[in-house]
Every structure is written in structure tokens, then in C-alpha cells.
Amino acid sequence: MVPKITDFGLSRRFGGDQSRILTKNICGTPGYLAPEYLNNGQISFKSDIYCLGIIIGKILRGNNDFPDFKNVR
């Protein structure tokens, strides 16, 4: 098995002393978005850790226990 990173669609480069950013538009897959991003548009490295936790949970369980977010607006 060879893991590969396939998507940097929402990536953003921070400045030297910058550790978070605020956005006006919420983008991404709802089941993977961190609560602070959904609540106030704040993105930080913690958002990536949250998403990684969701992915690891799915891998360990071997199924998708999260609800279907296709109709979330």
C-alpha cells in the first residue's frame, strides 16, 4: 500500500507568523469540516487535525458511520 495525497483544493499558504485565517465562504465536504470552520469560518492547522481524525476513524471502523451530508446547505 502506497498512500498518496490527492487534493489541495482548499489549501492556503500562511505568512511567517500567521497561524490561522478567516474566510467568508465555507467550502469543503460537510462531514469532514471542523466545527470552528463551520461556526465562524476560522481555519487553522487544527482544522486539518480534525479532518485527519475523521479519516482515521473511518479507516479503523471500516465503514461510514457518519450521516449522509449530500443535502446539507
N, C-alpha and C. Protein backbone atom coordinates (compact mmCIF):
# COMPACT_ATOMS: atom_id res chain seq x y z
N MET A 1 0.85 -1.18 0.00
CA MET A 1 0.00 0.00 0.00
C MET A 1 0.90 1.24 0.00
N VAL A 2 0.61 2.16 -0.91
CA VAL A 2 1.37 3.41 -1.00
C VAL A 2 0.38 4.56 -0.87
N PRO A 3 0.38 5.26 0.29
CA PRO A 3 -0.54 6.39 0.45
C PRO A 3 -0.12 7.56 -0.44
N LYS A 4 -1.13 8.26 -0.95
CA LYS A 4 -0.86 9.42 -1.80
C LYS A 4 -1.79 10.57 -1.41
N ILE A 5 -1.25 11.77 -1.38
CA ILE A 5 -2.06 12.96 -1.15
C ILE A 5 -2.61 13.39 -2.50
N THR A 6 -3.93 13.54 -2.57
CA THR A 6 -4.53 13.79 -3.88
C THR A 6 -5.24 15.12 -4.03
N ASP A 7 -5.43 15.88 -2.95
CA ASP A 7 -6.25 17.07 -3.08
C ASP A 7 -5.73 18.21 -2.22
N PHE A 8 -5.37 19.29 -2.86
CA PHE A 8 -5.02 20.52 -2.15
C PHE A 8 -5.97 21.63 -2.56
N GLY A 9 -7.20 21.28 -2.89
CA GLY A 9 -8.18 22.23 -3.40
C GLY A 9 -8.47 23.38 -2.46
N LEU A 10 -8.37 23.17 -1.15
CA LEU A 10 -8.66 24.23 -0.19
C LEU A 10 -7.41 24.71 0.53
N SER A 11 -6.24 24.33 0.07
CA SER A 11 -5.01 24.71 0.77
C SER A 11 -4.72 26.20 0.61
N ARG A 12 -4.03 26.73 1.58
CA ARG A 12 -3.67 28.15 1.56
C ARG A 12 -2.35 28.30 2.30
N ARG A 13 -1.47 29.11 1.78
CA ARG A 13 -0.18 29.34 2.42
C ARG A 13 -0.30 30.48 3.41
N PHE A 14 0.13 30.24 4.64
CA PHE A 14 0.12 31.27 5.69
C PHE A 14 1.42 32.04 5.64
N GLY A 15 1.36 33.28 6.14
CA GLY A 15 2.56 34.08 6.28
C GLY A 15 3.44 33.53 7.40
N GLY A 16 4.63 34.08 7.58
CA GLY A 16 5.59 33.58 8.56
C GLY A 16 5.07 33.46 9.97
N ASP A 17 4.35 34.47 10.47
CA ASP A 17 3.86 34.42 11.85
C ASP A 17 2.35 34.18 11.91
N GLN A 18 1.74 33.86 10.80
CA GLN A 18 0.29 33.64 10.74
C GLN A 18 -0.02 32.17 11.03
N SER A 19 -1.01 31.92 11.91
CA SER A 19 -1.36 30.55 12.26
C SER A 19 -2.82 30.22 11.97
N ARG A 20 -3.59 31.22 11.55
CA ARG A 20 -4.99 30.97 11.21
C ARG A 20 -5.46 32.05 10.24
N ILE A 21 -6.61 31.77 9.63
CA ILE A 21 -7.18 32.71 8.67
C ILE A 21 -8.70 32.64 8.77
N LEU A 22 -9.36 33.74 8.48
CA LEU A 22 -10.82 33.78 8.48
C LEU A 22 -11.30 33.84 7.04
N THR A 23 -12.36 33.10 6.73
CA THR A 23 -12.92 33.12 5.39
C THR A 23 -14.39 33.49 5.44
N LYS A 24 -14.91 34.01 4.34
CA LYS A 24 -16.33 34.35 4.25
C LYS A 24 -17.13 33.21 3.64
N ASN A 25 -16.50 32.41 2.79
CA ASN A 25 -17.18 31.32 2.11
C ASN A 25 -16.77 29.98 2.72
N ILE A 26 -17.74 29.17 3.09
CA ILE A 26 -17.47 27.84 3.62
C ILE A 26 -17.39 26.87 2.45
N CYS A 27 -16.25 26.19 2.30
CA CYS A 27 -16.05 25.23 1.21
C CYS A 27 -15.55 23.92 1.81
N GLY A 28 -15.90 22.82 1.18
CA GLY A 28 -15.41 21.53 1.62
C GLY A 28 -16.52 20.52 1.77
N THR A 29 -16.17 19.31 2.15
CA THR A 29 -17.13 18.23 2.35
C THR A 29 -17.67 18.33 3.77
N PRO A 30 -18.97 18.54 3.95
CA PRO A 30 -19.53 18.81 5.27
C PRO A 30 -19.15 17.80 6.37
N GLY A 31 -19.10 16.53 6.08
CA GLY A 31 -18.77 15.54 7.10
C GLY A 31 -17.35 15.63 7.62
N TYR A 32 -16.49 16.37 6.94
CA TYR A 32 -15.08 16.46 7.30
C TYR A 32 -14.68 17.84 7.84
N LEU A 33 -15.58 18.79 7.84
CA LEU A 33 -15.24 20.16 8.24
C LEU A 33 -15.20 20.32 9.75
N ALA A 34 -14.18 21.00 10.23
CA ALA A 34 -14.04 21.25 11.67
C ALA A 34 -15.13 22.19 12.16
N PRO A 35 -15.61 22.00 13.39
CA PRO A 35 -16.68 22.85 13.93
C PRO A 35 -16.35 24.34 13.92
N GLU A 36 -15.11 24.71 14.24
CA GLU A 36 -14.77 26.14 14.27
C GLU A 36 -14.83 26.75 12.87
N TYR A 37 -14.57 25.96 11.86
CA TYR A 37 -14.68 26.44 10.48
C TYR A 37 -16.15 26.64 10.10
N LEU A 38 -16.99 25.70 10.48
CA LEU A 38 -18.42 25.83 10.19
C LEU A 38 -19.07 26.97 10.96
N ASN A 39 -18.65 27.17 12.21
CA ASN A 39 -19.27 28.20 13.06
C ASN A 39 -18.85 29.62 12.72
N ASN A 40 -17.54 29.83 12.46
CA ASN A 40 -17.10 31.21 12.25
C ASN A 40 -16.11 31.40 11.11
N GLY A 41 -15.90 30.36 10.29
CA GLY A 41 -15.01 30.50 9.14
C GLY A 41 -13.54 30.55 9.47
N GLN A 42 -13.15 30.15 10.67
CA GLN A 42 -11.75 30.20 11.09
C GLN A 42 -11.04 28.90 10.72
N ILE A 43 -9.96 29.01 9.96
CA ILE A 43 -9.17 27.86 9.54
C ILE A 43 -7.81 27.93 10.23
N SER A 44 -7.35 26.81 10.76
CA SER A 44 -6.01 26.71 11.34
C SER A 44 -5.50 25.30 11.12
N PHE A 45 -4.31 25.01 11.61
CA PHE A 45 -3.79 23.65 11.49
C PHE A 45 -4.67 22.66 12.24
N LYS A 46 -5.41 23.14 13.24
CA LYS A 46 -6.31 22.28 13.99
C LYS A 46 -7.44 21.74 13.11
N SER A 47 -7.83 22.49 12.10
CA SER A 47 -8.85 22.02 11.15
C SER A 47 -8.36 20.78 10.41
N ASP A 48 -7.09 20.76 10.06
CA ASP A 48 -6.51 19.59 9.38
C ASP A 48 -6.47 18.38 10.32
N ILE A 49 -6.14 18.62 11.59
CA ILE A 49 -6.08 17.53 12.56
C ILE A 49 -7.47 16.94 12.76
N TYR A 50 -8.49 17.77 12.81
CA TYR A 50 -9.87 17.30 12.96
C TYR A 50 -10.23 16.39 11.79
N CYS A 51 -9.97 16.85 10.58
CA CYS A 51 -10.28 16.07 9.38
C CYS A 51 -9.50 14.75 9.37
N LEU A 52 -8.25 14.79 9.75
CA LEU A 52 -7.44 13.58 9.82
C LEU A 52 -8.05 12.58 10.80
N GLY A 53 -8.56 13.08 11.93
CA GLY A 53 -9.22 12.21 12.90
C GLY A 53 -10.45 11.53 12.32
N ILE A 54 -11.22 12.27 11.54
CA ILE A 54 -12.40 11.69 10.87
C ILE A 54 -11.96 10.58 9.92
N ILE A 55 -10.94 10.83 9.14
CA ILE A 55 -10.45 9.84 8.18
C ILE A 55 -9.92 8.60 8.89
N ILE A 56 -9.12 8.78 9.93
CA ILE A 56 -8.58 7.64 10.68
C ILE A 56 -9.71 6.83 11.30
N GLY A 57 -10.73 7.52 11.84
CA GLY A 57 -11.88 6.82 12.40
C GLY A 57 -12.58 5.95 11.37
N LYS A 58 -12.74 6.48 10.17
CA LYS A 58 -13.37 5.70 9.09
C LYS A 58 -12.53 4.49 8.72
N ILE A 59 -11.23 4.67 8.66
CA ILE A 59 -10.33 3.56 8.31
C ILE A 59 -10.39 2.48 9.38
N LEU A 60 -10.34 2.86 10.65
CA LEU A 60 -10.34 1.89 11.74
C LEU A 60 -11.66 1.14 11.84
N ARG A 61 -12.77 1.82 11.61
CA ARG A 61 -14.08 1.17 11.69
C ARG A 61 -14.40 0.36 10.44
N GLY A 62 -13.81 0.74 9.33
CA GLY A 62 -14.06 0.03 8.08
C GLY A 62 -15.40 0.34 7.46
N ASN A 63 -16.07 1.37 7.97
CA ASN A 63 -17.35 1.76 7.39
C ASN A 63 -17.57 3.25 7.60
N ASN A 64 -18.68 3.72 7.10
CA ASN A 64 -19.01 5.13 7.21
C ASN A 64 -20.16 5.29 8.20
N ASP A 65 -19.84 5.63 9.46
CA ASP A 65 -20.87 5.80 10.48
C ASP A 65 -21.46 7.20 10.50
N PHE A 66 -20.96 8.08 9.64
CA PHE A 66 -21.45 9.45 9.63
C PHE A 66 -22.67 9.56 8.74
N PRO A 67 -23.58 10.47 9.05
CA PRO A 67 -24.79 10.61 8.23
C PRO A 67 -24.46 11.11 6.82
N ASP A 68 -25.42 10.97 5.95
CA ASP A 68 -25.27 11.42 4.57
C ASP A 68 -25.43 12.94 4.54
N PHE A 69 -24.38 13.65 4.14
CA PHE A 69 -24.39 15.11 4.15
C PHE A 69 -24.67 15.71 2.78
N LYS A 70 -25.20 14.93 1.86
CA LYS A 70 -25.41 15.43 0.49
C LYS A 70 -26.41 16.57 0.44
N ASN A 71 -27.36 16.61 1.35
CA ASN A 71 -28.41 17.63 1.30
C ASN A 71 -28.17 18.78 2.28
N VAL A 72 -27.00 18.85 2.91
CA VAL A 72 -26.69 19.92 3.85
C VAL A 72 -26.39 21.19 3.06
N ARG A 73 -26.92 22.32 3.53
CA ARG A 73 -26.67 23.60 2.86
C ARG A 73 -26.09 24.59 3.82
